[in-house]
């Protein structure tokens, strides 16, 4: 029966700002958040309640590390409003207590990346980066993972793009999720337009049908790619129009979070548990595993 502020990693920054402003203005009494709340958010929060002690880190679902527990719990009692902060949990309180009492060792390593000097070597860029990756490092340094660079440059060549070494490196430096097909297709589309000397169009949001939260989040990522690509390759951008568009979409997402979130949530067809917004399939993970075990048992 309460309207909380909602914060999570995929939430566009403009919407995150609106949610924070609503909480600061007293329009919401609570914040419901993923571990994103531990990343630089200073809000007048008195109590942190852990509703889970695990997270999906992009590869697997795992237990929170002590440093993550401390970072999240550290939001309690900040912002100069409360002299003391409180931390609790709805489950597995022992893991939270152990994480808070663990002494986290200081960092032992630093990541070393390559410099623009790789462009000055008179060899193919992929060969130079591959050789750089083989070179030994001196402690406490470890090599930057350059898998993304190698993948993007290889994909550019597979697509038939004829770029200079500087252009290839510039393209590989553009921040976007290359594993997301719509963003990858837009990236190649922008590159073709740029090579043909054409202006980059600001991405448009389809008007047909109701727009869901994942649709709007993806559109914001397209706008971010549009801006980053234009800056990297010196393409003209109407920054005022882009800002206005971002604010419009942020307001639409904010409206969903405040008033229409239930319309964007699907439920497991068996147990009725709410499914994550980006969940694929009709069943939650637990019911899917049960169904799978039963099927294997019959065979």
C-alpha atoms as a PDB file:
ATOM      1  CA  UNK A   1       0.000   0.000   0.000  1.00  0.00           C
ATOM      2  CA  UNK A   2       3.013   2.313  -0.133  1.00  0.00           C
ATOM      3  CA  UNK A   3       4.535   3.986  -3.185  1.00  0.00           C
ATOM      4  CA  UNK A   4       8.322   3.471  -3.052  1.00  0.00           C
ATOM      5  CA  UNK A   5      11.116   5.070  -5.013  1.00  0.00           C
ATOM      6  CA  UNK A   6      12.612   2.401  -7.293  1.00  0.00           C
ATOM      7  CA  UNK A   7      16.277   2.251  -8.266  1.00  0.00           C
ATOM      8  CA  UNK A   8      18.085  -0.402 -10.318  1.00  0.00           C
ATOM      9  CA  UNK A   9      21.075  -0.655 -12.633  1.00  0.00           C
ATOM     10  CA  UNK A  10      19.240  -0.530 -15.982  1.00  0.00           C
ATOM     11  CA  UNK A  11      17.263   2.544 -14.923  1.00  0.00           C
ATOM     12  CA  UNK A  12      18.292   5.539 -17.066  1.00  0.00           C
ATOM     13  CA  UNK A  13      20.097   8.192 -15.070  1.00  0.00           C
ATOM     14  CA  UNK A  14      17.423  10.847 -15.704  1.00  0.00           C
ATOM     15  CA  UNK A  15      14.720   8.566 -14.271  1.00  0.00           C
ATOM     16  CA  UNK A  16      16.953   7.591 -11.355  1.00  0.00           C
ATOM     17  CA  UNK A  17      17.328  11.291 -10.606  1.00  0.00           C
ATOM     18  CA  UNK A  18      13.540  11.769 -10.644  1.00  0.00           C
ATOM     19  CA  UNK A  19      13.063   8.830  -8.270  1.00  0.00           C
ATOM     20  CA  UNK A  20      15.703  10.218  -5.897  1.00  0.00           C
ATOM     21  CA  UNK A  21      14.131  13.680  -6.028  1.00  0.00           C
ATOM     22  CA  UNK A  22      10.729  12.215  -5.173  1.00  0.00           C
ATOM     23  CA  UNK A  23      12.177  10.423  -2.156  1.00  0.00           C
ATOM     24  CA  UNK A  24      14.040  13.541  -1.002  1.00  0.00           C
ATOM     25  CA  UNK A  25      10.849  15.576  -1.328  1.00  0.00           C
ATOM     26  CA  UNK A  26       9.015  13.122   0.932  1.00  0.00           C
ATOM     27  CA  UNK A  27       6.701  11.858  -1.818  1.00  0.00           C
ATOM     28  CA  UNK A  28       7.884   8.273  -1.119  1.00  0.00           C
ATOM     29  CA  UNK A  29       8.676   6.784   2.285  1.00  0.00           C
ATOM     30  CA  UNK A  30      10.772   3.874   1.026  1.00  0.00           C
ATOM     31  CA  UNK A  31      13.380   3.000  -1.581  1.00  0.00           C
ATOM     32  CA  UNK A  32      13.211  -0.424  -3.244  1.00  0.00           C
ATOM     33  CA  UNK A  33      16.521  -1.083  -4.956  1.00  0.00           C
ATOM     34  CA  UNK A  34      18.964  -3.617  -6.283  1.00  0.00           C
ATOM     35  CA  UNK A  35      22.586  -3.432  -5.182  1.00  0.00           C
ATOM     36  CA  UNK A  36      22.762  -0.303  -7.380  1.00  0.00           C
ATOM     37  CA  UNK A  37      21.931   1.626  -4.208  1.00  0.00           C
ATOM     38  CA  UNK A  38      25.480   0.966  -3.012  1.00  0.00           C
ATOM     39  CA  UNK A  39      27.005   2.899  -5.894  1.00  0.00           C
ATOM     40  CA  UNK A  40      27.313   6.556  -4.944  1.00  0.00           C
ATOM     41  CA  UNK A  41      23.778   7.255  -3.711  1.00  0.00           C
ATOM     42  CA  UNK A  42      23.713   9.454  -0.622  1.00  0.00           C
ATOM     43  CA  UNK A  43      20.098   9.567   0.532  1.00  0.00           C
ATOM     44  CA  UNK A  44      18.557  10.226   3.964  1.00  0.00           C
ATOM     45  CA  UNK A  45      18.105   6.535   4.726  1.00  0.00           C
ATOM     46  CA  UNK A  46      17.918   5.333   8.314  1.00  0.00           C
ATOM     47  CA  UNK A  47      17.490   1.595   7.790  1.00  0.00           C
ATOM     48  CA  UNK A  48      18.615  -0.897   5.149  1.00  0.00           C
ATOM     49  CA  UNK A  49      16.713  -4.194   4.944  1.00  0.00           C
ATOM     50  CA  UNK A  50      18.254  -6.958   2.851  1.00  0.00           C
ATOM     51  CA  UNK A  51      15.448  -8.957   1.180  1.00  0.00           C
ATOM     52  CA  UNK A  52      17.996 -11.192  -0.540  1.00  0.00           C
ATOM     53  CA  UNK A  53      21.639 -12.134   0.009  1.00  0.00           C
ATOM     54  CA  UNK A  54      22.373 -13.160  -3.590  1.00  0.00           C
ATOM     55  CA  UNK A  55      22.715 -11.288  -6.865  1.00  0.00           C
ATOM     56  CA  UNK A  56      23.070 -12.050 -10.560  1.00  0.00           C
ATOM     57  CA  UNK A  57      26.420 -10.591 -11.646  1.00  0.00           C
ATOM     58  CA  UNK A  58      25.908 -10.951 -15.393  1.00  0.00           C
ATOM     59  CA  UNK A  59      27.298 -14.485 -15.463  1.00  0.00           C
ATOM     60  CA  UNK A  60      25.819 -16.366 -12.510  1.00  0.00           C
ATOM     61  CA  UNK A  61      23.694 -15.976  -9.415  1.00  0.00           C
ATOM     62  CA  UNK A  62      26.005 -15.846  -6.407  1.00  0.00           C
ATOM     63  CA  UNK A  63      26.146 -14.769  -2.775  1.00  0.00           C
ATOM     64  CA  UNK A  64      26.959 -11.164  -2.007  1.00  0.00           C
ATOM     65  CA  UNK A  65      30.608 -10.570  -1.150  1.00  0.00           C
ATOM     66  CA  UNK A  66      31.503  -8.961   2.207  1.00  0.00           C
ATOM     67  CA  UNK A  67      32.613  -5.752   0.475  1.00  0.00           C
ATOM     68  CA  UNK A  68      29.257  -5.583  -1.359  1.00  0.00           C
ATOM     69  CA  UNK A  69      27.312  -6.131   1.858  1.00  0.00           C
ATOM     70  CA  UNK A  70      29.306  -3.365   3.547  1.00  0.00           C
ATOM     71  CA  UNK A  71      28.867  -1.004   0.605  1.00  0.00           C
ATOM     72  CA  UNK A  72      25.081  -1.480   0.549  1.00  0.00           C
ATOM     73  CA  UNK A  73      24.667  -1.423   4.331  1.00  0.00           C
ATOM     74  CA  UNK A  74      26.765   1.731   4.417  1.00  0.00           C
ATOM     75  CA  UNK A  75      23.843   3.655   2.906  1.00  0.00           C
ATOM     76  CA  UNK A  76      22.131   3.517   6.313  1.00  0.00           C
ATOM     77  CA  UNK A  77      22.672   6.586   8.466  1.00  0.00           C
ATOM     78  CA  UNK A  78      24.255   8.709   5.737  1.00  0.00           C
ATOM     79  CA  UNK A  79      23.499  12.145   4.367  1.00  0.00           C
ATOM     80  CA  UNK A  80      23.807  13.863   7.740  1.00  0.00           C
ATOM     81  CA  UNK A  81      20.185  13.283   8.749  1.00  0.00           C
ATOM     82  CA  UNK A  82      20.587  10.367  11.158  1.00  0.00           C
ATOM     83  CA  UNK A  83      23.268   9.891  13.785  1.00  0.00           C
ATOM     84  CA  UNK A  84      22.966   6.138  13.554  1.00  0.00           C
ATOM     85  CA  UNK A  85      22.034   3.673  10.797  1.00  0.00           C
ATOM     86  CA  UNK A  86      20.388   0.259  11.163  1.00  0.00           C
ATOM     87  CA  UNK A  87      20.754  -2.874   9.052  1.00  0.00           C
ATOM     88  CA  UNK A  88      18.456  -5.883   9.012  1.00  0.00           C
ATOM     89  CA  UNK A  89      17.422  -8.750   6.768  1.00  0.00           C
ATOM     90  CA  UNK A  90      14.264 -10.693   5.984  1.00  0.00           C
ATOM     91  CA  UNK A  91      16.324 -13.858   5.466  1.00  0.00           C
ATOM     92  CA  UNK A  92      19.838 -15.193   6.078  1.00  0.00           C
ATOM     93  CA  UNK A  93      20.666 -12.544   8.658  1.00  0.00           C
ATOM     94  CA  UNK A  94      23.752 -14.537   9.641  1.00  0.00           C
ATOM     95  CA  UNK A  95      25.318 -13.971   6.217  1.00  0.00           C
ATOM     96  CA  UNK A  96      24.702 -10.228   6.513  1.00  0.00           C
ATOM     97  CA  UNK A  97      26.177 -10.112  10.017  1.00  0.00           C
ATOM     98  CA  UNK A  98      29.217 -12.121   8.891  1.00  0.00           C
ATOM     99  CA  UNK A  99      29.717  -9.832   5.889  1.00  0.00           C
ATOM    100  CA  UNK A 100      29.594  -6.738   8.074  1.00  0.00           C
ATOM    101  CA  UNK A 101      32.115  -8.198  10.523  1.00  0.00           C
ATOM    102  CA  UNK A 102      34.560  -9.358   7.844  1.00  0.00           C
ATOM    103  CA  UNK A 103      37.718  -7.296   7.425  1.00  0.00           C
ATOM    104  CA  UNK A 104      38.018  -6.731   3.684  1.00  0.00           C
ATOM    105  CA  UNK A 105      41.671  -6.904   2.608  1.00  0.00           C
ATOM    106  CA  UNK A 106      43.090  -3.931   0.676  1.00  0.00           C
ATOM    107  CA  UNK A 107      43.315  -4.134  -3.100  1.00  0.00           C
ATOM    108  CA  UNK A 108      46.254  -6.230  -4.257  1.00  0.00           C
ATOM    109  CA  UNK A 109      46.185  -5.501  -7.990  1.00  0.00           C
ATOM    110  CA  UNK A 110      45.758  -2.659 -10.467  1.00  0.00           C
ATOM    111  CA  UNK A 111      44.629  -3.015 -14.081  1.00  0.00           C
ATOM    112  CA  UNK A 112      46.955  -1.778 -16.814  1.00  0.00           C
ATOM    113  CA  UNK A 113      45.533  -0.944 -20.234  1.00  0.00           C
ATOM    114  CA  UNK A 114      47.244  -0.272 -23.553  1.00  0.00           C
ATOM    115  CA  UNK A 115      47.971   3.229 -24.830  1.00  0.00           C
ATOM    116  CA  UNK A 116      47.602   4.880 -28.240  1.00  0.00           C
ATOM    117  CA  UNK A 117      51.131   3.669 -28.942  1.00  0.00           C
ATOM    118  CA  UNK A 118      49.546   0.520 -30.385  1.00  0.00           C
ATOM    119  CA  UNK A 119      48.529   2.688 -33.365  1.00  0.00           C
ATOM    120  CA  UNK A 120      52.148   3.603 -34.092  1.00  0.00           C
ATOM    121  CA  UNK A 121      53.326   0.032 -34.578  1.00  0.00           C
ATOM    122  CA  UNK A 122      53.505  -0.804 -38.276  1.00  0.00           C
ATOM    123  CA  UNK A 123      51.422  -3.991 -38.051  1.00  0.00           C
ATOM    124  CA  UNK A 124      47.758  -4.950 -38.208  1.00  0.00           C
ATOM    125  CA  UNK A 125      45.878  -3.648 -35.131  1.00  0.00           C
ATOM    126  CA  UNK A 126      44.469  -7.052 -34.189  1.00  0.00           C
ATOM    127  CA  UNK A 127      47.961  -8.561 -34.322  1.00  0.00           C
ATOM    128  CA  UNK A 128      49.382  -5.749 -32.198  1.00  0.00           C
ATOM    129  CA  UNK A 129      46.643  -6.084 -29.565  1.00  0.00           C
ATOM    130  CA  UNK A 130      47.023  -9.870 -29.505  1.00  0.00           C
ATOM    131  CA  UNK A 131      50.779  -9.552 -28.968  1.00  0.00           C
ATOM    132  CA  UNK A 132      50.267  -6.889 -26.305  1.00  0.00           C
ATOM    133  CA  UNK A 133      47.945  -9.289 -24.525  1.00  0.00           C
ATOM    134  CA  UNK A 134      50.733 -11.899 -24.409  1.00  0.00           C
ATOM    135  CA  UNK A 135      53.314  -9.549 -22.897  1.00  0.00           C
ATOM    136  CA  UNK A 136      54.140 -10.171 -19.215  1.00  0.00           C
ATOM    137  CA  UNK A 137      53.232  -7.616 -16.551  1.00  0.00           C
ATOM    138  CA  UNK A 138      54.972  -6.636 -13.340  1.00  0.00           C
ATOM    139  CA  UNK A 139      53.121  -6.942 -10.046  1.00  0.00           C
ATOM    140  CA  UNK A 140      50.854  -5.448  -8.841  1.00  0.00           C
ATOM    141  CA  UNK A 141      49.565  -4.880 -12.387  1.00  0.00           C
ATOM    142  CA  UNK A 142      47.322  -7.210 -14.364  1.00  0.00           C
ATOM    143  CA  UNK A 143      46.316  -6.830 -17.991  1.00  0.00           C
ATOM    144  CA  UNK A 144      43.104  -5.173 -19.058  1.00  0.00           C
ATOM    145  CA  UNK A 145      40.724  -7.739 -20.568  1.00  0.00           C
ATOM    146  CA  UNK A 146      40.722  -6.724 -24.238  1.00  0.00           C
ATOM    147  CA  UNK A 147      38.289  -9.415 -25.413  1.00  0.00           C
ATOM    148  CA  UNK A 148      35.716  -6.732 -26.249  1.00  0.00           C
ATOM    149  CA  UNK A 149      38.201  -4.799 -28.401  1.00  0.00           C
ATOM    150  CA  UNK A 150      39.184  -7.906 -30.316  1.00  0.00           C
ATOM    151  CA  UNK A 151      35.553  -8.955 -30.798  1.00  0.00           C
ATOM    152  CA  UNK A 152      34.308  -5.583 -32.059  1.00  0.00           C
ATOM    153  CA  UNK A 153      37.230  -5.038 -34.440  1.00  0.00           C
ATOM    154  CA  UNK A 154      36.782  -8.560 -35.816  1.00  0.00           C
ATOM    155  CA  UNK A 155      33.035  -7.938 -36.302  1.00  0.00           C
ATOM    156  CA  UNK A 156      33.761  -4.665 -38.109  1.00  0.00           C
ATOM    157  CA  UNK A 157      35.939  -6.500 -40.589  1.00  0.00           C
ATOM    158  CA  UNK A 158      33.413  -9.308 -41.014  1.00  0.00           C
ATOM    159  CA  UNK A 159      30.820  -6.660 -41.890  1.00  0.00           C
ATOM    160  CA  UNK A 160      33.115  -5.371 -44.620  1.00  0.00           C
ATOM    161  CA  UNK A 161      34.085  -2.025 -43.080  1.00  0.00           C
ATOM    162  CA  UNK A 162      37.363  -0.592 -44.365  1.00  0.00           C
ATOM    163  CA  UNK A 163      38.637   1.526 -41.476  1.00  0.00           C
ATOM    164  CA  UNK A 164      41.971   2.937 -40.438  1.00  0.00           C
ATOM    165  CA  UNK A 165      43.563   1.584 -37.270  1.00  0.00           C
ATOM    166  CA  UNK A 166      42.595   4.774 -35.451  1.00  0.00           C
ATOM    167  CA  UNK A 167      38.961   4.438 -36.572  1.00  0.00           C
ATOM    168  CA  UNK A 168      38.832   0.779 -35.525  1.00  0.00           C
ATOM    169  CA  UNK A 169      40.140   1.614 -32.067  1.00  0.00           C
ATOM    170  CA  UNK A 170      37.791   4.585 -31.780  1.00  0.00           C
ATOM    171  CA  UNK A 171      34.813   2.383 -32.694  1.00  0.00           C
ATOM    172  CA  UNK A 172      35.850  -0.314 -30.213  1.00  0.00           C
ATOM    173  CA  UNK A 173      36.047   2.321 -27.452  1.00  0.00           C
ATOM    174  CA  UNK A 174      32.394   3.366 -27.821  1.00  0.00           C
ATOM    175  CA  UNK A 175      30.530   2.209 -24.675  1.00  0.00           C
ATOM    176  CA  UNK A 176      27.545  -0.011 -25.473  1.00  0.00           C
ATOM    177  CA  UNK A 177      26.523  -3.618 -24.896  1.00  0.00           C
ATOM    178  CA  UNK A 178      27.632  -5.329 -28.104  1.00  0.00           C
ATOM    179  CA  UNK A 179      25.918  -8.560 -27.029  1.00  0.00           C
ATOM    180  CA  UNK A 180      22.512  -6.852 -27.339  1.00  0.00           C
ATOM    181  CA  UNK A 181      21.414  -7.364 -30.960  1.00  0.00           C
ATOM    182  CA  UNK A 182      19.369  -4.123 -31.395  1.00  0.00           C
ATOM    183  CA  UNK A 183      22.296  -2.038 -30.135  1.00  0.00           C
ATOM    184  CA  UNK A 184      24.805  -3.931 -32.274  1.00  0.00           C
ATOM    185  CA  UNK A 185      22.650  -3.409 -35.385  1.00  0.00           C
ATOM    186  CA  UNK A 186      22.295   0.314 -34.610  1.00  0.00           C
ATOM    187  CA  UNK A 187      26.063   0.623 -34.123  1.00  0.00           C
ATOM    188  CA  UNK A 188      26.744  -0.851 -37.578  1.00  0.00           C
ATOM    189  CA  UNK A 189      23.977   1.313 -39.080  1.00  0.00           C
ATOM    190  CA  UNK A 190      25.565   4.470 -37.675  1.00  0.00           C
ATOM    191  CA  UNK A 191      28.974   3.409 -38.992  1.00  0.00           C
ATOM    192  CA  UNK A 192      27.628   2.841 -42.508  1.00  0.00           C
ATOM    193  CA  UNK A 193      25.915   6.231 -42.508  1.00  0.00           C
ATOM    194  CA  UNK A 194      29.096   7.906 -41.296  1.00  0.00           C
ATOM    195  CA  UNK A 195      31.206   6.252 -43.996  1.00  0.00           C
ATOM    196  CA  UNK A 196      28.687   7.396 -46.625  1.00  0.00           C
ATOM    197  CA  UNK A 197      28.919  10.969 -45.353  1.00  0.00           C
ATOM    198  CA  UNK A 198      25.307  11.012 -44.136  1.00  0.00           C
ATOM    199  CA  UNK A 199      24.014  12.586 -40.924  1.00  0.00           C
ATOM    200  CA  UNK A 200      23.119  10.337 -38.012  1.00  0.00           C
ATOM    201  CA  UNK A 201      19.380  10.335 -37.266  1.00  0.00           C
ATOM    202  CA  UNK A 202      18.327  10.400 -33.634  1.00  0.00           C
ATOM    203  CA  UNK A 203      16.752   6.998 -32.866  1.00  0.00           C
ATOM    204  CA  UNK A 204      12.966   7.019 -32.864  1.00  0.00           C
ATOM    205  CA  UNK A 205      10.716   5.169 -30.451  1.00  0.00           C
ATOM    206  CA  UNK A 206       7.984   3.153 -32.211  1.00  0.00           C
ATOM    207  CA  UNK A 207       4.574   4.713 -31.663  1.00  0.00           C
ATOM    208  CA  UNK A 208       2.450   1.582 -32.176  1.00  0.00           C
ATOM    209  CA  UNK A 209       1.041  -0.191 -29.166  1.00  0.00           C
ATOM    210  CA  UNK A 210       1.715   0.285 -25.448  1.00  0.00           C
ATOM    211  CA  UNK A 211       5.353   0.943 -24.554  1.00  0.00           C
ATOM    212  CA  UNK A 212       6.693  -1.342 -21.859  1.00  0.00           C
ATOM    213  CA  UNK A 213       9.433  -0.646 -19.354  1.00  0.00           C
ATOM    214  CA  UNK A 214      11.995  -2.839 -21.205  1.00  0.00           C
ATOM    215  CA  UNK A 215      11.099  -1.029 -24.476  1.00  0.00           C
ATOM    216  CA  UNK A 216      11.797   2.356 -22.914  1.00  0.00           C
ATOM    217  CA  UNK A 217      15.000   1.180 -21.215  1.00  0.00           C
ATOM    218  CA  UNK A 218      16.303  -0.145 -24.547  1.00  0.00           C
ATOM    219  CA  UNK A 219      15.409   3.125 -26.241  1.00  0.00           C
ATOM    220  CA  UNK A 220      17.439   5.053 -23.643  1.00  0.00           C
ATOM    221  CA  UNK A 221      20.427   2.805 -24.355  1.00  0.00           C
ATOM    222  CA  UNK A 222      19.996   3.590 -28.075  1.00  0.00           C
ATOM    223  CA  UNK A 223      20.062   7.319 -27.311  1.00  0.00           C
ATOM    224  CA  UNK A 224      23.244   6.815 -25.267  1.00  0.00           C
ATOM    225  CA  UNK A 225      24.850   4.931 -28.174  1.00  0.00           C
ATOM    226  CA  UNK A 226      23.772   7.679 -30.593  1.00  0.00           C
ATOM    227  CA  UNK A 227      25.434  10.356 -28.450  1.00  0.00           C
ATOM    228  CA  UNK A 228      28.614   8.339 -27.788  1.00  0.00           C
ATOM    229  CA  UNK A 229      29.039   7.392 -31.454  1.00  0.00           C
ATOM    230  CA  UNK A 230      28.513  10.980 -32.598  1.00  0.00           C
ATOM    231  CA  UNK A 231      31.096  12.262 -30.116  1.00  0.00           C
ATOM    232  CA  UNK A 232      33.623   9.573 -31.057  1.00  0.00           C
ATOM    233  CA  UNK A 233      33.419  10.295 -34.794  1.00  0.00           C
ATOM    234  CA  UNK A 234      32.738  14.041 -34.654  1.00  0.00           C
ATOM    235  CA  UNK A 235      29.177  13.861 -35.995  1.00  0.00           C
ATOM    236  CA  UNK A 236      26.884  16.858 -35.379  1.00  0.00           C
ATOM    237  CA  UNK A 237      24.233  16.340 -32.697  1.00  0.00           C
ATOM    238  CA  UNK A 238      21.359  18.575 -31.615  1.00  0.00           C
ATOM    239  CA  UNK A 239      22.148  18.218 -27.928  1.00  0.00           C
ATOM    240  CA  UNK A 240      19.118  20.255 -26.826  1.00  0.00           C
ATOM    241  CA  UNK A 241      16.758  17.976 -28.781  1.00  0.00           C
ATOM    242  CA  UNK A 242      18.548  14.915 -27.393  1.00  0.00           C
ATOM    243  CA  UNK A 243      18.272  16.225 -23.835  1.00  0.00           C
ATOM    244  CA  UNK A 244      14.562  16.944 -24.282  1.00  0.00           C
ATOM    245  CA  UNK A 245      13.974  13.446 -25.667  1.00  0.00           C
ATOM    246  CA  UNK A 246      15.819  11.834 -22.777  1.00  0.00           C
ATOM    247  CA  UNK A 247      13.751  13.817 -20.300  1.00  0.00           C
ATOM    248  CA  UNK A 248      10.502  12.817 -22.048  1.00  0.00           C
ATOM    249  CA  UNK A 249      11.381   9.119 -21.897  1.00  0.00           C
ATOM    250  CA  UNK A 250      12.636   9.455 -18.309  1.00  0.00           C
ATOM    251  CA  UNK A 251       9.276  10.954 -17.368  1.00  0.00           C
ATOM    252  CA  UNK A 252       7.429   8.110 -19.109  1.00  0.00           C
ATOM    253  CA  UNK A 253       9.496   5.508 -17.230  1.00  0.00           C
ATOM    254  CA  UNK A 254       8.939   7.423 -14.015  1.00  0.00           C
ATOM    255  CA  UNK A 255       5.206   7.358 -14.638  1.00  0.00           C
ATOM    256  CA  UNK A 256       5.300   3.578 -15.075  1.00  0.00           C
ATOM    257  CA  UNK A 257       7.298   3.096 -11.877  1.00  0.00           C
ATOM    258  CA  UNK A 258       4.954   5.329  -9.903  1.00  0.00           C
ATOM    259  CA  UNK A 259       1.565   4.324 -11.264  1.00  0.00           C
ATOM    260  CA  UNK A 260       1.644   1.516 -13.817  1.00  0.00           C
ATOM    261  CA  UNK A 261       4.327  -0.897 -12.667  1.00  0.00           C
ATOM    262  CA  UNK A 262       1.859  -3.742 -12.100  1.00  0.00           C
ATOM    263  CA  UNK A 263       0.823  -3.540 -15.762  1.00  0.00           C
ATOM    264  CA  UNK A 264       4.445  -4.243 -16.746  1.00  0.00           C
ATOM    265  CA  UNK A 265       4.905  -7.274 -14.508  1.00  0.00           C
ATOM    266  CA  UNK A 266       4.213 -10.845 -15.625  1.00  0.00           C
ATOM    267  CA  UNK A 267       3.611 -13.726 -13.231  1.00  0.00           C
ATOM    268  CA  UNK A 268       4.693 -17.364 -13.223  1.00  0.00           C
ATOM    269  CA  UNK A 269       2.022 -19.509 -14.856  1.00  0.00           C
ATOM    270  CA  UNK A 270       2.353 -22.148 -12.105  1.00  0.00           C
ATOM    271  CA  UNK A 271       3.027 -20.483  -8.758  1.00  0.00           C
ATOM    272  CA  UNK A 272       2.036 -16.889  -9.523  1.00  0.00           C
ATOM    273  CA  UNK A 273       5.374 -15.397  -8.429  1.00  0.00           C
ATOM    274  CA  UNK A 274       6.198 -12.075 -10.086  1.00  0.00           C
ATOM    275  CA  UNK A 275       8.739 -12.547 -12.875  1.00  0.00           C
ATOM    276  CA  UNK A 276      11.683 -10.172 -13.403  1.00  0.00           C
ATOM    277  CA  UNK A 277      10.963  -7.572 -16.065  1.00  0.00           C
ATOM    278  CA  UNK A 278      13.438  -9.061 -18.548  1.00  0.00           C
ATOM    279  CA  UNK A 279      12.583 -12.682 -17.765  1.00  0.00           C
ATOM    280  CA  UNK A 280      12.019 -14.979 -20.749  1.00  0.00           C
ATOM    281  CA  UNK A 281       9.438 -17.732 -20.575  1.00  0.00           C
ATOM    282  CA  UNK A 282       6.190 -18.355 -18.686  1.00  0.00           C
ATOM    283  CA  UNK A 283       7.675 -19.974 -15.563  1.00  0.00           C
ATOM    284  CA  UNK A 284       9.881 -18.699 -12.753  1.00  0.00           C
ATOM    285  CA  UNK A 285      13.295 -20.349 -12.387  1.00  0.00           C
ATOM    286  CA  UNK A 286      12.173 -22.577  -9.489  1.00  0.00           C
ATOM    287  CA  UNK A 287       9.093 -23.908 -11.334  1.00  0.00           C
ATOM    288  CA  UNK A 288      11.115 -24.358 -14.521  1.00  0.00           C
ATOM    289  CA  UNK A 289      13.648 -26.521 -12.665  1.00  0.00           C
ATOM    290  CA  UNK A 290      10.841 -28.585 -11.055  1.00  0.00           C
ATOM    291  CA  UNK A 291       9.204 -29.154 -14.442  1.00  0.00           C
ATOM    292  CA  UNK A 292      12.528 -30.110 -15.947  1.00  0.00           C
ATOM    293  CA  UNK A 293      13.280 -32.618 -13.166  1.00  0.00           C
ATOM    294  CA  UNK A 294       9.859 -34.201 -13.599  1.00  0.00           C
ATOM    295  CA  UNK A 295      10.411 -34.489 -17.351  1.00  0.00           C
ATOM    296  CA  UNK A 296      13.810 -36.090 -16.857  1.00  0.00           C
ATOM    297  CA  UNK A 297      12.293 -38.471 -14.304  1.00  0.00           C
ATOM    298  CA  UNK A 298       9.683 -39.676 -16.789  1.00  0.00           C
ATOM    299  CA  UNK A 299      12.271 -40.355 -19.479  1.00  0.00           C
END
